[in-house]
């Protein structure tokens, strides 16, 4: 079985997060300022620190987060949807740092981070409701196929120009 739905990109928000900001705080502000409810996120830059974890499939729990300091953000991708009635960002990152004279790469599920430099792009899926609920087979909060989701008003939606904002 597969869950899918048409989700045209209605607008794109681009920007940067200023040094010293906490990632989760900046994303919450971004969602509120641009009224984001669903979208696809990509970003690059550097972190002063980042906490990443991974989900253990056998115990169905997230492992204790690892903190990496002063690292290059090679890629961060994810999505934004609604969980428990609130905007929720699901992000994964690949970072590198120099250890013993060599570049070492780490990655995982992002818990939070403090920004050194971050440039981002959000492809907004306005009009699409992506709600998270418990998926029993995995134990994860995943996108759910609900009767409340509606594709009304999406046909022929015109992309909108993002307003300038400072995050």
Foldseek 3Di string as FASTA:
>chain_A
DDDDDDFDQQAKDKDKAAAFDKPVVVVQVVCVVQVFAKWKKKKWFWFQKWWFWAADQVVRHIDGTDMDGTKGWPMKIWMWHAEPRGIDTWIKTWIWDDDPNDIDIDIHTTPMTGDPMMIMMIRGRPLFHFYWDQDVNRRDGGTDDDPPTDPPPVPPRHHDYDDDDHD
